[in-house]
C-alpha atoms as a PDB file:
ATOM      1  CA  MET A   1      11.617 -44.978  37.739  1.00  0.00           C
ATOM      2  CA  LEU A   2      11.834 -44.860  41.539  1.00  0.00           C
ATOM      3  CA  GLU A   3      13.086 -48.418  41.586  1.00  0.00           C
ATOM      4  CA  PHE A   4      15.610 -47.558  38.822  1.00  0.00           C
ATOM      5  CA  LEU A   5      16.947 -44.661  40.883  1.00  0.00           C
ATOM      6  CA  LYS A   6      17.224 -46.854  43.908  1.00  0.00           C
ATOM      7  CA  LYS A   7      19.026 -49.548  41.927  1.00  0.00           C
ATOM      8  CA  TYR A   8      21.552 -47.415  39.949  1.00  0.00           C
ATOM      9  CA  TYR A   9      21.766 -44.145  41.800  1.00  0.00           C
ATOM     10  CA  TYR A  10      21.829 -44.851  45.523  1.00  0.00           C
ATOM     11  CA  GLN A  11      25.503 -43.891  46.089  1.00  0.00           C
ATOM     12  CA  LYS A  12      26.041 -40.339  47.290  1.00  0.00           C
ATOM     13  CA  ASP A  13      28.728 -39.665  44.708  1.00  0.00           C
ATOM     14  CA  LYS A  14      26.296 -40.554  41.864  1.00  0.00           C
ATOM     15  CA  VAL A  15      23.581 -38.412  43.384  1.00  0.00           C
ATOM     16  CA  LYS A  16      26.052 -35.513  43.626  1.00  0.00           C
ATOM     17  CA  LYS A  17      26.988 -36.031  39.963  1.00  0.00           C
ATOM     18  CA  ILE A  18      23.329 -35.991  38.812  1.00  0.00           C
ATOM     19  CA  ILE A  19      22.831 -32.661  40.656  1.00  0.00           C
ATOM     20  CA  GLU A  20      26.056 -31.232  39.125  1.00  0.00           C
ATOM     21  CA  LEU A  21      24.842 -32.119  35.619  1.00  0.00           C
ATOM     22  CA  GLY A  22      21.491 -30.365  36.110  1.00  0.00           C
ATOM     23  CA  ASP A  23      18.299 -30.990  34.185  1.00  0.00           C
ATOM     24  CA  CYS A  24      18.115 -34.469  32.687  1.00  0.00           C
ATOM     25  CA  SER A  25      16.347 -35.490  29.534  1.00  0.00           C
ATOM     26  CA  ILE A  26      16.924 -39.237  29.842  1.00  0.00           C
ATOM     27  CA  LEU A  27      18.377 -41.005  32.909  1.00  0.00           C
ATOM     28  CA  ALA A  28      20.043 -44.268  31.964  1.00  0.00           C
ATOM     29  CA  GLU A  29      22.201 -46.849  33.722  1.00  0.00           C
ATOM     30  CA  LYS A  30      25.390 -44.783  33.202  1.00  0.00           C
ATOM     31  CA  LEU A  31      25.977 -41.054  33.739  1.00  0.00           C
ATOM     32  CA  GLU A  32      29.198 -40.666  31.723  1.00  0.00           C
ATOM     33  CA  PRO A  33      29.817 -41.570  28.087  1.00  0.00           C
ATOM     34  CA  THR A  34      32.857 -43.692  27.328  1.00  0.00           C
ATOM     35  CA  LYS A  35      33.108 -42.629  23.647  1.00  0.00           C
ATOM     36  CA  LYS A  36      33.531 -39.222  22.059  1.00  0.00           C
ATOM     37  CA  GLY A  37      30.497 -37.802  20.315  1.00  0.00           C
ATOM     38  CA  HIS A  38      27.786 -38.662  22.796  1.00  0.00           C
ATOM     39  CA  SER A  39      24.958 -36.147  22.415  1.00  0.00           C
ATOM     40  CA  PHE A  40      21.224 -35.847  22.318  1.00  0.00           C
ATOM     41  CA  ASN A  41      21.237 -36.610  18.608  1.00  0.00           C
ATOM     42  CA  ASN A  42      23.875 -39.279  18.870  1.00  0.00           C
ATOM     43  CA  PRO A  43      23.481 -40.929  22.261  1.00  0.00           C
ATOM     44  CA  GLU A  44      25.748 -43.696  23.462  1.00  0.00           C
ATOM     45  CA  GLU A  45      23.745 -46.787  24.524  1.00  0.00           C
ATOM     46  CA  ASN A  46      22.718 -46.825  28.205  1.00  0.00           C
ATOM     47  CA  VAL A  47      24.197 -43.387  28.889  1.00  0.00           C
ATOM     48  CA  SER A  48      22.131 -40.539  30.431  1.00  0.00           C
ATOM     49  CA  ILE A  49      21.301 -37.379  28.402  1.00  0.00           C
ATOM     50  CA  PHE A  50      21.526 -34.059  30.162  1.00  0.00           C
ATOM     51  CA  TYR A  51      20.187 -30.779  28.688  1.00  0.00           C
ATOM     52  CA  GLY A  52      23.437 -28.820  29.368  1.00  0.00           C
ATOM     53  CA  ARG A  53      26.094 -31.366  28.590  1.00  0.00           C
ATOM     54  CA  ASP A  54      24.430 -33.203  25.717  1.00  0.00           C
ATOM     55  CA  ARG A  55      22.051 -30.649  24.205  1.00  0.00           C
ATOM     56  CA  ASN A  56      24.125 -27.515  24.868  1.00  0.00           C
ATOM     57  CA  GLU A  57      21.208 -25.784  26.519  1.00  0.00           C
ATOM     58  CA  THR A  58      21.602 -23.059  29.168  1.00  0.00           C
ATOM     59  CA  ASN A  59      19.771 -22.335  32.383  1.00  0.00           C
ATOM     60  CA  VAL A  60      19.537 -26.036  33.286  1.00  0.00           C
ATOM     61  CA  LYS A  61      21.303 -26.160  36.644  1.00  0.00           C
ATOM     62  CA  ALA A  62      19.748 -28.025  39.555  1.00  0.00           C
ATOM     63  CA  ILE A  63      17.531 -25.881  41.801  1.00  0.00           C
ATOM     64  CA  ASP A  64      17.804 -25.968  45.561  1.00  0.00           C
ATOM     65  CA  PHE A  65      14.351 -25.434  46.955  1.00  0.00           C
ATOM     66  CA  LYS A  66      13.688 -23.940  50.359  1.00  0.00           C
ATOM     67  CA  ASN A  67      10.986 -26.458  51.188  1.00  0.00           C
ATOM     68  CA  ARG A  68       8.878 -29.290  49.807  1.00  0.00           C
ATOM     69  CA  ASP A  69       5.832 -27.021  49.009  1.00  0.00           C
ATOM     70  CA  GLU A  70       8.062 -24.782  46.831  1.00  0.00           C
ATOM     71  CA  LEU A  71       9.272 -27.854  44.964  1.00  0.00           C
ATOM     72  CA  ILE A  72       5.776 -29.134  44.417  1.00  0.00           C
ATOM     73  CA  LYS A  73       4.607 -25.849  43.038  1.00  0.00           C
ATOM     74  CA  GLN A  74       7.487 -25.680  40.594  1.00  0.00           C
ATOM     75  CA  ALA A  75       6.985 -29.303  39.529  1.00  0.00           C
ATOM     76  CA  LYS A  76       3.311 -28.652  38.732  1.00  0.00           C
ATOM     77  CA  ASP A  77       4.304 -25.674  36.557  1.00  0.00           C
ATOM     78  CA  SER A  78       6.874 -27.702  34.584  1.00  0.00           C
ATOM     79  CA  TRP A  79       6.787 -30.182  31.733  1.00  0.00           C
ATOM     80  CA  ALA A  80       8.104 -32.985  33.983  1.00  0.00           C
ATOM     81  CA  ASP A  81       6.181 -36.222  33.920  1.00  0.00           C
ATOM     82  CA  ASP A  82       7.250 -37.090  37.430  1.00  0.00           C
ATOM     83  CA  CYS A  83       9.326 -35.442  40.064  1.00  0.00           C
ATOM     84  CA  TYR A  84      11.789 -37.255  42.308  1.00  0.00           C
ATOM     85  CA  ILE A  85      13.651 -35.849  45.260  1.00  0.00           C
ATOM     86  CA  TYR A  86      16.738 -37.163  47.122  1.00  0.00           C
ATOM     87  CA  ASN A  87      16.357 -36.954  50.846  1.00  0.00           C
ATOM     88  CA  LYS A  88      19.841 -36.199  52.031  1.00  0.00           C
ATOM     89  CA  GLU A  89      19.075 -36.799  55.681  1.00  0.00           C
ATOM     90  CA  GLN A  90      17.677 -40.257  55.081  1.00  0.00           C
ATOM     91  CA  GLY A  91      19.902 -41.099  52.035  1.00  0.00           C
ATOM     92  CA  ARG A  92      17.032 -42.192  49.792  1.00  0.00           C
ATOM     93  CA  TRP A  93      14.924 -41.233  46.747  1.00  0.00           C
ATOM     94  CA  ASP A  94      11.231 -40.297  47.023  1.00  0.00           C
ATOM     95  CA  ILE A  95       8.583 -39.411  44.479  1.00  0.00           C
ATOM     96  CA  LEU A  96       6.312 -36.430  44.927  1.00  0.00           C
END
């Protein structure tokens, strides 16, 4: 997944959009659907699925952590398989 992020989501505008969309169920090559009706139950091919936009769930906004330790604690308490962070200063993705 780290290589996937580096390949498809290295531009700052795409990183910003991922953050705006919040919690992600499936990250695919495209962020935005091109057809009406894209949802969790009816996904468009190669389009990401976000909990808020595509599953109509609430409380799924991105979280801004104060530091790396706080992020690691939250990640360990979650259902996430892996946790990736975008280092704004260095303009790159890292895995915890």
